[in-house]
Protein backbone atom coordinates (compact mmCIF):
# COMPACT_ATOMS: atom_id res chain seq x y z
CA MET A 1 -21.69 2.06 -16.50
CA MET A 2 -24.95 3.89 -16.86
CA LYS A 3 -25.81 7.44 -17.43
CA ALA A 4 -26.72 7.72 -13.68
CA SER A 5 -23.63 6.68 -12.38
CA ALA A 6 -21.42 8.15 -15.04
CA ALA A 7 -23.03 11.73 -13.70
CA LYS A 8 -21.98 10.64 -9.74
CA THR A 9 -18.52 9.85 -10.97
CA PHE A 10 -18.79 13.11 -12.70
CA LEU A 11 -19.36 15.32 -9.64
CA ASP A 12 -16.69 13.04 -7.67
CA ILE A 13 -14.21 14.28 -10.49
CA ALA A 14 -15.06 17.95 -9.77
CA ALA A 15 -14.35 17.18 -6.64
CA GLN A 16 -11.06 15.59 -6.49
CA LEU A 17 -10.04 18.26 -8.86
CA ARG A 18 -11.59 21.16 -7.38
CA HIS A 19 -9.49 19.47 -3.90
CA GLU A 20 -6.11 19.05 -6.17
CA GLY A 21 -6.21 22.98 -7.55
CA LEU A 22 -6.90 21.71 -11.16
CA LEU A 23 -10.53 23.08 -11.17
CA ALA A 24 -10.60 27.39 -10.58
CA GLN A 25 -12.83 29.86 -10.36
CA ASN A 26 -12.17 31.84 -13.26
CA GLY A 27 -13.85 29.83 -15.99
CA GLU A 28 -11.36 27.28 -17.39
CA THR A 29 -13.21 24.14 -18.57
CA VAL A 30 -12.44 20.61 -18.01
CA ALA A 31 -13.30 17.76 -20.61
CA VAL A 32 -13.80 14.52 -19.05
CA SER A 33 -14.20 11.67 -20.96
CA LEU A 34 -15.59 8.39 -19.42
CA ARG A 35 -15.85 4.70 -21.68
CA ALA A 36 -19.22 3.62 -21.55
CA ASP A 37 -21.15 -0.12 -22.47
CA GLY A 38 -22.20 -0.57 -26.16
CA GLY A 39 -19.32 1.12 -28.40
CA ASN A 40 -19.97 4.78 -26.68
CA TYR A 41 -18.90 7.20 -23.52
CA TYR A 42 -20.06 9.42 -21.81
CA TYR A 43 -18.80 13.84 -21.84
CA ALA A 44 -19.16 16.41 -19.74
CA GLU A 45 -17.33 19.89 -19.11
CA LEU A 46 -16.53 21.00 -15.54
CA LYS A 47 -16.14 24.15 -14.32
CA GLY A 48 -15.06 25.58 -11.31
CA GLY A 49 -17.95 27.99 -10.29
CA ALA A 50 -20.44 25.47 -11.63
CA GLU A 51 -23.04 23.76 -9.86
CA ALA A 52 -23.85 20.15 -9.71
CA SER A 53 -26.74 20.66 -12.06
CA ASP A 54 -25.08 22.60 -14.35
CA THR A 55 -23.55 19.82 -15.45
CA LEU A 56 -24.55 18.10 -19.02
CA VAL A 57 -23.78 14.42 -19.34
CA GLN A 58 -23.88 13.93 -23.48
CA GLU A 59 -23.43 10.20 -24.82
CA ARG A 60 -21.17 9.98 -27.45
CA PRO A 61 -20.03 6.94 -30.34
CA LEU A 62 -16.98 5.79 -30.18
CA ASP A 63 -16.53 6.40 -33.66
CA GLY A 64 -15.46 10.15 -33.73
CA GLU A 65 -12.66 10.06 -36.25
CA ASN A 66 -11.29 13.36 -35.11
CA ASP A 67 -12.86 13.49 -31.55
CA PRO A 68 -9.65 13.38 -29.24
CA ALA A 69 -11.70 10.77 -26.76
CA SER A 70 -12.46 8.45 -29.30
CA VAL A 71 -8.79 7.85 -30.56
CA VAL A 72 -7.40 7.93 -26.69
CA PHE A 73 -9.96 5.06 -26.07
CA GLY A 74 -9.32 3.42 -29.18
CA GLN A 75 -5.86 3.15 -28.75
CA LYS A 76 -5.78 2.60 -25.15
CA PRO A 77 -8.41 -0.47 -24.72
CA ASP A 78 -8.06 -0.47 -21.01
CA VAL A 79 -8.53 2.88 -20.62
CA THR A 80 -11.64 4.06 -18.97
CA SER A 81 -11.48 7.71 -18.56
CA VAL A 82 -9.64 10.45 -20.50
CA LEU A 83 -8.77 14.76 -19.26
CA MET A 84 -8.55 17.35 -21.18
CA LEU A 85 -7.16 19.90 -18.88
CA PRO A 86 -5.19 23.01 -18.26
CA GLY A 87 -3.63 23.15 -15.28
CA VAL A 88 -1.19 26.29 -14.47
CA TYR A 89 2.18 25.15 -14.87
CA ALA A 90 1.13 22.49 -17.27
CA LEU A 91 -0.53 25.04 -19.92
CA GLU A 92 2.93 27.30 -19.46
CA ALA A 93 4.99 24.34 -20.37
CA SER A 94 2.62 23.24 -23.09
CA LYS A 95 3.22 26.47 -25.07
CA THR A 96 7.17 26.15 -25.07
CA LEU A 97 7.92 22.12 -24.57
CA LYS A 98 8.64 19.26 -27.06
CA LYS A 99 9.24 17.30 -24.79
CA LEU A 100 9.60 16.47 -20.49
CA THR A 101 12.18 14.20 -19.64
CA ALA A 102 11.20 12.74 -16.07
CA GLU A 103 12.88 14.45 -13.23
CA LEU A 104 10.48 12.71 -11.03
CA ASP A 105 10.33 9.49 -9.53
CA ASP A 106 6.79 9.65 -9.51
CA MET A 107 6.50 11.03 -13.02
CA ALA A 108 8.23 8.19 -14.44
CA GLN A 109 6.16 5.54 -12.48
CA ILE A 110 2.55 6.78 -14.06
CA VAL A 111 3.38 8.92 -17.06
CA GLY A 112 6.55 7.59 -18.67
CA LEU A 113 10.26 8.36 -19.16
CA THR A 114 9.08 10.88 -21.22
CA ALA A 115 5.91 13.28 -21.65
CA ARG A 116 5.69 14.55 -24.85
CA ALA A 117 3.93 17.53 -26.00
CA ALA A 118 1.52 17.48 -29.19
CA ALA A 119 1.13 19.74 -31.28
CA ASP A 120 -2.17 19.89 -31.55
CA GLU A 121 -5.51 17.65 -31.35
CA SER A 122 -5.51 15.33 -34.09
CA PRO A 123 -5.67 11.90 -33.74
CA ALA A 124 -1.93 11.24 -35.47
CA GLU A 125 -0.10 13.90 -32.87
CA LEU A 126 -2.04 12.00 -29.83
CA LYS A 127 -1.82 8.54 -31.29
CA ARG A 128 2.12 9.92 -31.50
CA CYS A 129 2.30 11.35 -28.10
CA LEU A 130 0.46 8.62 -26.15
CA ARG A 131 2.27 5.57 -27.50
CA GLY A 132 3.16 3.74 -24.16
CA ARG A 133 2.75 6.75 -22.16
CA ASN A 134 -0.64 7.37 -19.87
CA SER A 135 -0.48 11.20 -20.43
CA CYS A 136 1.12 14.19 -22.52
CA PHE A 137 0.38 17.59 -23.30
CA VAL A 138 -0.94 19.51 -25.92
CA LYS A 139 0.32 22.94 -26.95
CA ASN A 140 -1.76 25.88 -25.62
CA ARG A 141 -4.53 23.58 -24.31
CA GLY A 142 -2.32 21.92 -21.09
CA MET A 143 -2.22 18.27 -20.84
CA LEU A 144 -4.28 15.52 -21.55
CA THR A 145 -3.96 12.45 -18.92
CA THR A 146 -6.00 8.93 -19.02
CA GLY A 147 -6.40 6.08 -16.51
CA ARG A 148 -7.87 2.60 -15.84
CA SER A 149 -10.60 4.36 -13.31
CA ALA A 150 -11.15 7.79 -12.59
CA THR A 151 -8.66 8.23 -9.54
CA GLU A 152 -5.58 7.15 -12.00
CA ALA A 153 -6.59 9.54 -14.18
CA ILE A 154 -6.57 12.71 -11.76
CA THR A 155 -3.54 11.15 -10.15
CA GLY A 156 -2.00 11.52 -13.64
CA ALA A 157 -3.01 15.15 -13.92
CA VAL A 158 -1.92 15.88 -10.61
CA LEU A 159 1.66 14.40 -11.01
CA LEU A 160 1.73 16.17 -14.74
CA GLU A 161 1.26 18.82 -13.44
CA LYS A 162 3.68 18.87 -10.19
CA ALA A 163 6.23 17.31 -13.11
CA ALA A 164 5.64 20.59 -15.30
CA MET A 165 5.77 23.22 -11.77
CA THR A 166 9.08 21.20 -10.87
CA HIS A 167 10.42 21.53 -14.25
CA ILE A 168 10.20 25.40 -14.67
CA LEU A 169 10.54 26.21 -10.64
CA ALA A 170 13.65 24.33 -10.58
CA LYS A 171 15.24 26.77 -13.04
CA LYS A 172 15.70 29.14 -9.99
CA ILE A 173 18.12 27.17 -8.31
CA GLY A 174 20.41 25.29 -11.11
CA GLY A 175 17.50 23.66 -13.37
CA ALA A 176 16.18 19.94 -12.51
CA LYS A 177 18.22 16.72 -13.80
CA ARG A 178 16.81 14.03 -15.00
CA VAL A 179 15.93 10.77 -13.05
CA PRO A 180 18.36 8.25 -14.24
CA PRO A 181 16.92 6.51 -17.54
CA VAL A 182 17.60 2.90 -16.20
CA SER A 183 15.64 3.58 -12.69
CA ALA A 184 13.05 5.31 -14.79
CA ALA A 185 12.48 2.36 -17.15
CA LEU A 186 12.43 -0.15 -14.13
CA MET A 187 9.74 1.92 -12.38
CA HIS A 188 7.77 2.77 -14.90
CA LEU A 189 7.35 -1.09 -15.69
CA VAL A 190 6.77 -1.74 -11.58
CA TYR A 191 4.08 0.67 -11.47
CA GLN A 192 2.37 -0.55 -14.40
CA LYS A 193 2.60 -4.46 -14.38
CA LYS A 194 2.63 -4.56 -10.04
CA TYR A 195 0.96 -1.20 -9.09
CA SER A 196 -1.94 -1.29 -12.01
CA LYS A 197 -4.72 -1.17 -8.99
CA ILE A 198 -3.24 1.70 -7.49
CA ASN A 199 -5.66 3.92 -7.54
CA LEU A 200 -9.10 3.03 -7.03
CA THR A 201 -12.54 4.46 -5.92
CA GLU A 202 -12.43 4.26 -2.12
CA GLU A 203 -15.20 1.52 -1.76
CA THR A 204 -13.42 -0.32 -4.72
CA ALA A 205 -10.20 0.07 -2.55
CA ARG A 206 -11.30 -0.76 0.14
CA SER A 207 -12.78 -4.31 -1.36
CA ARG A 208 -9.86 -5.29 -3.46
CA ALA A 209 -6.88 -4.30 -0.97
CA LYS A 210 -8.74 -6.59 1.60
CA GLY A 211 -5.84 -8.76 3.22
CA PRO A 212 -7.07 -12.17 4.57
CA ASN A 213 -8.62 -13.05 7.63
CA THR A 214 -8.15 -9.15 8.63
CA ALA A 215 -10.91 -9.50 10.59
CA ASP A 216 -9.51 -11.73 12.63
CA ALA A 217 -6.80 -10.30 13.83
CA PRO A 218 -6.25 -10.06 17.69
CA ALA A 219 -7.15 -7.21 19.41
CA TRP A 220 -5.09 -4.34 20.15
CA SER A 221 -3.44 -3.07 23.20
CA GLU A 222 -4.87 0.67 24.06
CA ARG A 223 -1.08 2.49 22.55
CA GLU A 224 -1.83 0.22 19.64
CA GLY A 225 -5.06 1.36 18.98
CA GLU A 226 -4.80 4.92 19.75
CA LEU A 227 -1.29 4.56 17.37
CA ARG A 228 -3.13 3.14 14.53
CA ARG A 229 -6.19 5.75 14.63
CA GLU A 230 -3.11 8.37 14.65
CA ILE A 231 -1.96 6.94 11.39
CA VAL A 232 -4.96 7.05 9.74
CA ASP A 233 -5.37 10.37 10.62
CA TYR A 234 -2.23 12.02 9.90
CA GLY A 235 -2.44 9.49 6.65
CA LYS A 236 -5.64 11.88 5.37
CA ARG A 237 -4.11 15.38 6.56
CA LEU A 238 -1.02 14.55 4.04
CA VAL A 239 -3.75 14.46 1.61
CA ASP A 240 -5.38 17.74 2.62
CA GLU A 241 -2.08 19.69 2.72
CA GLY A 242 -1.07 18.31 -0.49
CA LEU A 243 2.28 16.47 0.48
CA VAL A 244 1.41 13.20 -0.88
CA GLN A 245 -0.32 12.50 -4.51
CA GLY A 246 -2.93 8.93 -4.85
CA THR A 247 -0.66 6.10 -2.86
CA TRP A 248 2.71 7.50 -2.87
CA GLY A 249 4.08 8.45 0.42
CA ASN A 250 3.79 6.47 3.44
CA LEU A 251 4.20 6.37 7.51
CA ALA A 252 6.11 4.48 10.10
CA VAL A 253 5.62 4.08 13.91
CA ARG A 254 7.26 2.54 16.45
CA LEU A 255 5.27 0.21 18.57
CA ASP A 256 7.66 -0.87 21.23
CA GLU A 257 11.05 -2.68 21.28
CA THR A 258 10.16 -5.44 18.43
CA TYR A 259 7.27 -4.14 16.30
CA MET A 260 6.00 -0.93 13.93
CA LEU A 261 3.17 0.44 12.39
CA VAL A 262 2.96 0.70 9.09
CA THR A 263 0.64 2.16 6.33
CA PRO A 264 -0.23 -0.33 3.71
CA SER A 265 0.72 -0.72 0.27
CA GLY A 266 -1.68 0.41 -2.98
CA LEU A 267 -4.04 1.59 -0.58
CA ASP A 268 -6.04 5.64 -0.47
CA TYR A 269 -5.34 7.71 2.11
CA ARG A 270 -8.39 8.23 2.26
CA ALA A 271 -9.81 4.83 2.15
CA LEU A 272 -7.59 3.74 4.92
CA ALA A 273 -8.70 2.48 8.84
CA PRO A 274 -7.46 1.48 11.69
CA GLU A 275 -7.70 -2.54 10.49
CA ASP A 276 -5.90 -1.27 7.50
CA ILE A 277 -2.60 -0.74 9.26
CA VAL A 278 0.16 -3.16 9.33
CA LYS A 279 2.19 -4.32 12.32
CA VAL A 280 5.71 -5.32 10.86
CA GLU A 281 8.64 -6.68 13.31
CA LEU A 282 11.45 -4.92 13.32
CA ASP A 283 14.78 -7.89 12.99
CA THR A 284 12.89 -9.33 10.37
CA LEU A 285 10.27 -7.67 8.06
CA GLU A 286 7.95 -10.19 8.48
CA TYR A 287 4.24 -9.17 8.97
CA GLY A 288 2.17 -12.34 9.07
CA ASN A 289 -1.38 -12.91 7.61
CA GLN A 290 -1.78 -9.32 7.15
CA ARG A 291 -2.25 -6.41 4.26
CA LYS A 292 1.47 -6.03 2.30
CA PRO A 293 2.85 -3.10 3.95
CA THR A 294 4.56 -0.07 2.05
CA SER A 295 7.15 -0.75 -0.12
CA GLU A 296 9.46 1.68 1.90
CA LYS A 297 9.00 -0.81 5.32
CA GLN A 298 12.73 -1.15 5.40
CA LEU A 299 13.58 2.12 5.20
CA HIS A 300 11.17 2.99 7.84
CA ARG A 301 12.53 0.19 10.04
CA ASP A 302 16.60 1.36 9.22
CA LEU A 303 15.80 4.60 10.44
CA LEU A 304 14.06 3.28 13.52
CA SER A 305 16.90 1.16 13.89
CA ALA A 306 19.81 4.49 13.84
CA ARG A 307 17.98 6.63 15.38
CA PRO A 308 16.55 5.73 19.52
CA ASP A 309 15.41 9.30 19.46
CA VAL A 310 12.85 8.36 16.38
CA GLY A 311 9.61 7.22 17.13
CA ALA A 312 7.73 8.19 14.02
CA ALA A 313 9.12 8.65 10.00
CA ILE A 314 6.99 10.00 7.33
CA HIS A 315 7.95 10.25 3.43
CA THR A 316 6.21 12.16 1.40
CA HIS A 317 6.21 13.17 -2.20
CA ALA A 318 5.52 17.02 -1.39
CA LYS A 319 5.95 19.51 -4.43
CA ASN A 320 8.67 22.36 -3.07
CA CYS A 321 10.18 19.38 -1.52
CA GLY A 322 10.33 18.01 -4.86
CA VAL A 323 11.64 21.07 -6.87
CA PHE A 324 15.11 20.68 -4.82
CA ALA A 325 15.28 17.10 -4.51
CA ALA A 326 14.81 17.32 -8.43
CA ALA A 327 17.48 19.67 -8.86
CA ARG A 328 19.60 17.93 -6.24
CA LYS A 329 20.12 20.75 -4.14
CA SER A 330 20.00 21.13 0.06
CA VAL A 331 17.18 22.92 1.06
CA CYS A 332 18.59 25.79 3.86
CA CYS A 333 15.94 26.32 7.23
CA VAL A 334 16.85 30.22 7.83
CA SER A 335 14.45 30.78 10.82
CA ASP A 336 14.45 29.31 14.26
CA GLU A 337 10.95 27.61 14.02
CA LEU A 338 11.88 25.98 10.93
CA ARG A 339 15.56 24.95 11.99
CA SER A 340 13.95 23.46 15.41
CA LEU A 341 11.65 21.31 13.28
CA THR A 342 13.69 20.24 10.60
CA GLY A 343 17.26 21.33 11.80
CA ASP A 344 19.64 23.42 9.57
CA GLU A 345 19.63 22.28 6.58
CA ILE A 346 17.57 19.40 4.57
CA ARG A 347 20.31 17.46 3.00
CA CYS A 348 19.85 15.88 -0.25
CA ALA A 349 20.83 11.63 -0.46
CA PRO A 350 22.24 10.52 -3.77
CA HIS A 351 20.09 9.28 -6.21
CA ALA A 352 18.70 5.04 -5.24
CA LEU A 353 15.99 2.89 -6.73
CA PRO A 354 13.10 2.87 -4.16
CA SER A 355 12.99 -0.08 -1.40
CA THR A 356 15.97 -0.85 -1.57
CA LYS A 357 19.19 -1.06 0.68
CA LYS A 358 21.35 1.45 -0.74
CA LEU A 359 18.00 4.62 -0.17
CA SER A 360 18.29 3.32 3.74
CA ARG A 361 21.95 4.21 3.33
CA VAL A 362 22.04 7.27 1.39
CA ALA A 363 19.42 8.34 3.27
CA LEU A 364 20.20 7.73 6.77
CA LYS A 365 23.91 9.56 6.06
CA ALA A 366 21.81 12.47 4.35
CA LEU A 367 19.83 12.33 7.45
CA GLY A 368 22.40 12.44 10.03
CA GLY A 369 21.18 13.49 13.48
CA ARG A 370 18.67 15.96 11.88
CA ASN A 371 14.91 14.96 11.66
CA ALA A 372 14.62 16.04 7.27
CA CYS A 373 16.40 14.62 4.54
CA LEU A 374 15.70 14.61 0.39
CA LEU A 375 15.63 11.68 -1.25
CA MET A 376 17.21 12.54 -4.98
CA ASN A 377 14.66 12.67 -7.78
CA HIS A 378 12.12 11.24 -5.54
CA GLY A 379 10.54 13.28 -2.53
CA VAL A 380 11.24 13.93 1.33
CA LEU A 381 11.84 11.94 4.30
CA CYS A 382 10.81 13.23 7.60
CA CYS A 383 10.73 11.93 11.73
CA GLY A 384 10.49 12.88 14.73
CA GLU A 385 10.06 11.39 18.34
CA ASP A 386 6.34 11.10 17.28
CA LEU A 387 4.10 10.97 14.81
CA LYS A 388 2.75 14.73 15.51
CA ARG A 389 6.77 16.26 14.82
CA ALA A 390 7.30 14.09 12.01
CA TYR A 391 4.30 15.94 10.51
CA GLU A 392 5.46 18.87 12.25
CA ALA A 393 8.40 18.31 10.20
CA CYS A 394 7.03 17.67 7.05
CA LYS A 395 5.08 21.31 7.09
CA ALA A 396 8.26 23.08 7.84
CA SER A 397 10.15 21.21 5.13
CA GLU A 398 7.69 22.47 2.34
CA ARG A 399 7.78 25.61 4.02
CA ALA A 400 11.22 26.29 3.94
CA ALA A 401 11.43 24.89 0.19
CA GLY A 402 8.14 27.27 -0.65
CA GLU A 403 10.31 30.19 1.24
CA GLN A 404 13.67 29.70 -0.48
CA LEU A 405 11.67 29.12 -4.35
CA GLY A 406 9.84 32.54 -3.44
CA LEU A 407 6.41 31.13 -3.12
């Protein structure tokens, strides 16, 4: 990486952190390090209120014995990006926790079964806390996250902040429960092996995730083209609303009696185009020579098959709902407006591994005839007669959970 391209990457990181609420205007600093060529790295301190021209990029050697970035780059050869930032809940958690056990599946996948808390920034402490993990808390500083791309490091920060928020807010409703250890270990392994490129820059994601022969896809009917564009639009809305992080979550729409349209696996919503949406046969789940569809295609198919009144479904990892999913508690919808969108209660389904028949079975039972349910230690599943109503159910669920938490 050249210094000019590094400067642009720093600005992109600042924009993403600002969007995620992790780069505030109150003067707090985010320290960012990017691996460079020739045994060096680039370093910059980002501030919420700073102008682009105020970002000073320094080139530093990778031989600093007490330099946190040098320690991380030396311990993790595949890491290209390191972030040190306070967060809000992460900073609070760092003051008291010695470690945080994964209470949501997404933390287990990208961070690990636990996130340790380093007592300080010494090499020994950082090496201990990052051994076998991608992120850690740092006492009275917040968190340190790493990634094989800048986007992966940012996603790690978003998810560790979310994990700290879940742990702290769940105390209001009885406390969060850990993800079953065997499930957590399996999901972390699958993420590391199978989804190692899950968080990439937009153009890299577009080029690497490109499926074979997508340029030769047959012409769509007017309805199919419209639905594909709707899925892309609502996927980006979910990102803007903070209802999904990274590439977690997925959308599905009933096309006709034979097919459904679903989001692809491992492609950032910001990079989606209509031709990326995957047409899947409902009976067989076959999808031919297209991109790989979401791993939750069976969950969506089973929901559409069981509920003829449902035309679309959205699975998200919304933060407020995640608190209840981790605490394994239902969300009560008190207002008529919310009840009309989700039902009187958003029940929590028992735990099941993602992408399994058991997940479909427990989710459908918890859902019943309503339009939303929680997935234990995982997220929320919402549905409706069309994508607009499913999206409204997602927002209503998150609002109801927030109201119950007093947010």
